[in-house]
Amino acid sequence: MPSNKPIVIEKNEGEKIAYTVSGNKITFGEDELTLNLKSHERDDSAHIDICRDKYGNLVTGVIPNLAENYVAQIDIPPREYEYITDGVDDNGEPQEVQTPIPFDMKKCTLTLWALV
């Protein structure tokens, strides 16, 4: 069975947060934070910061005076499309329909930071 895991980059030396990948979802810690990456895909690239806040919780985004340490970053490339011929237009020319290519977790990048 082919792997459906993202590209993983270890940003620095040290222990990284545990994570699991299931379908389009990444779960961090012991079920502490789960993200469905497909729901974040859009026509432009998407970037998600995952930080540990001053209370020890995982949060998404960089929150001044609350989020203290990077844990991971996720980069999702822009949605891709294919063009499928679907009949003809009023002038008899082939008509194409823009159809999104299915989301592919393998095209996403997960950057892991050492736990502090």
C-alpha atoms as a PDB file:
ATOM      1  CA  MET A   1       0.000   0.000   0.000  1.00  0.00           C
ATOM      2  CA  PRO A   2       1.479   3.406  -0.954  1.00  0.00           C
ATOM      3  CA  SER A   3       2.341   5.866   1.781  1.00  0.00           C
ATOM      4  CA  ASN A   4      -0.001   8.812   2.271  1.00  0.00           C
ATOM      5  CA  LYS A   5       2.334  10.733   4.563  1.00  0.00           C
ATOM      6  CA  PRO A   6       3.507  14.309   4.054  1.00  0.00           C
ATOM      7  CA  ILE A   7       7.090  15.328   3.375  1.00  0.00           C
ATOM      8  CA  VAL A   8       8.730  15.668   6.807  1.00  0.00           C
ATOM      9  CA  ILE A   9      11.515  18.135   7.617  1.00  0.00           C
ATOM     10  CA  GLU A  10      13.219  18.211  10.998  1.00  0.00           C
ATOM     11  CA  LYS A  11      14.091  21.874  11.524  1.00  0.00           C
ATOM     12  CA  ASN A  12      16.576  21.382  14.372  1.00  0.00           C
ATOM     13  CA  GLU A  13      18.111  18.745  16.647  1.00  0.00           C
ATOM     14  CA  GLY A  14      16.170  17.274  19.522  1.00  0.00           C
ATOM     15  CA  GLU A  15      13.040  15.346  20.393  1.00  0.00           C
ATOM     16  CA  LYS A  16      10.018  16.135  18.217  1.00  0.00           C
ATOM     17  CA  ILE A  17       6.310  15.897  19.005  1.00  0.00           C
ATOM     18  CA  ALA A  18       4.681  12.541  18.300  1.00  0.00           C
ATOM     19  CA  TYR A  19       2.210  12.588  15.413  1.00  0.00           C
ATOM     20  CA  THR A  20       0.125  10.170  13.385  1.00  0.00           C
ATOM     21  CA  VAL A  21      -1.297  10.475   9.892  1.00  0.00           C
ATOM     22  CA  SER A  22      -4.618   8.922   8.976  1.00  0.00           C
ATOM     23  CA  GLY A  23      -6.144   9.769   5.623  1.00  0.00           C
ATOM     24  CA  ASN A  24      -6.140  13.560   5.321  1.00  0.00           C
ATOM     25  CA  LYS A  25      -5.658  14.141   9.057  1.00  0.00           C
ATOM     26  CA  ILE A  26      -2.598  14.702  11.230  1.00  0.00           C
ATOM     27  CA  THR A  27      -2.938  14.181  14.973  1.00  0.00           C
ATOM     28  CA  PHE A  28      -0.333  15.644  17.318  1.00  0.00           C
ATOM     29  CA  GLY A  29       0.486  14.430  20.803  1.00  0.00           C
ATOM     30  CA  GLU A  30      -1.850  11.903  22.311  1.00  0.00           C
ATOM     31  CA  ASP A  31      -5.002  13.077  20.498  1.00  0.00           C
ATOM     32  CA  GLU A  32      -4.279  16.618  21.669  1.00  0.00           C
ATOM     33  CA  LEU A  33      -4.741  18.347  18.309  1.00  0.00           C
ATOM     34  CA  THR A  34      -6.062  16.944  15.022  1.00  0.00           C
ATOM     35  CA  LEU A  35      -6.135  18.843  11.738  1.00  0.00           C
ATOM     36  CA  ASN A  36      -7.877  17.767   8.546  1.00  0.00           C
ATOM     37  CA  LEU A  37      -5.479  19.211   5.981  1.00  0.00           C
ATOM     38  CA  LYS A  38      -7.919  18.769   3.125  1.00  0.00           C
ATOM     39  CA  SER A  39     -10.240  21.305   4.779  1.00  0.00           C
ATOM     40  CA  HIS A  40      -7.392  23.866   4.695  1.00  0.00           C
ATOM     41  CA  GLU A  41      -6.626  23.395   0.982  1.00  0.00           C
ATOM     42  CA  ARG A  42      -7.467  26.401  -1.194  1.00  0.00           C
ATOM     43  CA  ASP A  43      -6.402  28.029  -4.464  1.00  0.00           C
ATOM     44  CA  ASP A  44      -3.416  29.669  -2.739  1.00  0.00           C
ATOM     45  CA  SER A  45      -0.874  27.862  -0.595  1.00  0.00           C
ATOM     46  CA  ALA A  46      -1.760  27.514   3.090  1.00  0.00           C
ATOM     47  CA  HIS A  47       0.567  27.662   6.086  1.00  0.00           C
ATOM     48  CA  ILE A  48      -0.391  26.496   9.583  1.00  0.00           C
ATOM     49  CA  ASP A  49       1.765  27.167  12.645  1.00  0.00           C
ATOM     50  CA  ILE A  50       1.403  24.828  15.601  1.00  0.00           C
ATOM     51  CA  CYS A  51       2.764  26.107  18.899  1.00  0.00           C
ATOM     52  CA  ARG A  52       2.848  25.124  22.553  1.00  0.00           C
ATOM     53  CA  ASP A  53       1.311  27.895  24.642  1.00  0.00           C
ATOM     54  CA  LYS A  54       2.439  29.052  28.076  1.00  0.00           C
ATOM     55  CA  TYR A  55      -0.098  26.678  29.665  1.00  0.00           C
ATOM     56  CA  GLY A  56       1.320  23.659  27.833  1.00  0.00           C
ATOM     57  CA  ASN A  57      -1.506  23.363  25.290  1.00  0.00           C
ATOM     58  CA  LEU A  58      -1.101  22.976  21.544  1.00  0.00           C
ATOM     59  CA  VAL A  59      -2.541  25.896  19.597  1.00  0.00           C
ATOM     60  CA  THR A  60      -2.676  26.826  15.937  1.00  0.00           C
ATOM     61  CA  GLY A  61      -1.262  30.176  14.992  1.00  0.00           C
ATOM     62  CA  VAL A  62       1.302  32.443  16.560  1.00  0.00           C
ATOM     63  CA  ILE A  63      -0.414  34.165  19.452  1.00  0.00           C
ATOM     64  CA  PRO A  64       1.595  37.015  21.048  1.00  0.00           C
ATOM     65  CA  ASN A  65       2.155  36.583  24.787  1.00  0.00           C
ATOM     66  CA  LEU A  66       0.538  33.123  24.689  1.00  0.00           C
ATOM     67  CA  ALA A  67       2.187  30.828  22.157  1.00  0.00           C
ATOM     68  CA  GLU A  68       5.727  30.297  23.387  1.00  0.00           C
ATOM     69  CA  ASN A  69       7.361  27.620  21.229  1.00  0.00           C
ATOM     70  CA  TYR A  70       6.991  26.302  17.714  1.00  0.00           C
ATOM     71  CA  VAL A  71       6.175  22.603  17.599  1.00  0.00           C
ATOM     72  CA  ALA A  72       5.389  22.151  13.907  1.00  0.00           C
ATOM     73  CA  GLN A  73       4.471  23.954  10.736  1.00  0.00           C
ATOM     74  CA  ILE A  74       2.351  22.595   7.911  1.00  0.00           C
ATOM     75  CA  ASP A  75       2.517  23.849   4.347  1.00  0.00           C
ATOM     76  CA  ILE A  76      -0.265  22.874   1.958  1.00  0.00           C
ATOM     77  CA  PRO A  77       0.312  23.609  -1.725  1.00  0.00           C
ATOM     78  CA  PRO A  78      -2.346  25.371  -3.812  1.00  0.00           C
ATOM     79  CA  ARG A  79      -5.214  23.251  -5.085  1.00  0.00           C
ATOM     80  CA  GLU A  80      -4.514  21.853  -8.537  1.00  0.00           C
ATOM     81  CA  TYR A  81      -7.024  21.499 -11.354  1.00  0.00           C
ATOM     82  CA  GLU A  82      -7.428  19.484 -14.496  1.00  0.00           C
ATOM     83  CA  TYR A  83      -9.520  20.535 -17.454  1.00  0.00           C
ATOM     84  CA  ILE A  84     -11.974  17.997 -18.812  1.00  0.00           C
ATOM     85  CA  THR A  85     -13.756  18.355 -22.145  1.00  0.00           C
ATOM     86  CA  ASP A  86     -17.482  18.489 -21.471  1.00  0.00           C
ATOM     87  CA  GLY A  87     -19.481  18.957 -24.638  1.00  0.00           C
ATOM     88  CA  VAL A  88     -19.306  21.938 -26.954  1.00  0.00           C
ATOM     89  CA  ASP A  89     -20.104  25.630 -26.602  1.00  0.00           C
ATOM     90  CA  ASP A  90     -22.559  27.678 -28.704  1.00  0.00           C
ATOM     91  CA  ASN A  91     -19.951  27.951 -31.501  1.00  0.00           C
ATOM     92  CA  GLY A  92     -19.391  24.195 -31.658  1.00  0.00           C
ATOM     93  CA  GLU A  93     -15.988  24.483 -29.963  1.00  0.00           C
ATOM     94  CA  PRO A  94     -14.985  21.981 -27.269  1.00  0.00           C
ATOM     95  CA  GLN A  95     -15.958  23.224 -23.833  1.00  0.00           C
ATOM     96  CA  GLU A  96     -13.687  22.488 -20.890  1.00  0.00           C
ATOM     97  CA  VAL A  97     -14.691  22.226 -17.257  1.00  0.00           C
ATOM     98  CA  GLN A  98     -12.206  22.981 -14.466  1.00  0.00           C
ATOM     99  CA  THR A  99     -12.182  20.057 -12.021  1.00  0.00           C
ATOM    100  CA  PRO A 100     -10.128  19.942  -8.808  1.00  0.00           C
ATOM    101  CA  ILE A 101      -7.566  17.161  -8.572  1.00  0.00           C
ATOM    102  CA  PRO A 102      -8.133  15.144  -5.373  1.00  0.00           C
ATOM    103  CA  PHE A 103      -6.218  16.318  -2.296  1.00  0.00           C
ATOM    104  CA  ASP A 104      -2.851  14.582  -1.887  1.00  0.00           C
ATOM    105  CA  MET A 105      -1.280  14.490   1.584  1.00  0.00           C
ATOM    106  CA  LYS A 106       2.076  13.514  -0.001  1.00  0.00           C
ATOM    107  CA  LYS A 107       2.370  17.019  -1.482  1.00  0.00           C
ATOM    108  CA  CYS A 108       2.113  18.695   1.940  1.00  0.00           C
ATOM    109  CA  THR A 109       5.148  19.493   4.091  1.00  0.00           C
ATOM    110  CA  LEU A 110       5.318  18.949   7.840  1.00  0.00           C
ATOM    111  CA  THR A 111       8.198  20.793   9.517  1.00  0.00           C
ATOM    112  CA  LEU A 112       8.952  19.612  13.049  1.00  0.00           C
ATOM    113  CA  TRP A 113      10.716  21.705  15.698  1.00  0.00           C
ATOM    114  CA  ALA A 114      12.501  20.305  18.741  1.00  0.00           C
ATOM    115  CA  LEU A 115      10.445  20.306  21.903  1.00  0.00           C
ATOM    116  CA  VAL A 116      11.817  22.730  24.467  1.00  0.00           C
END
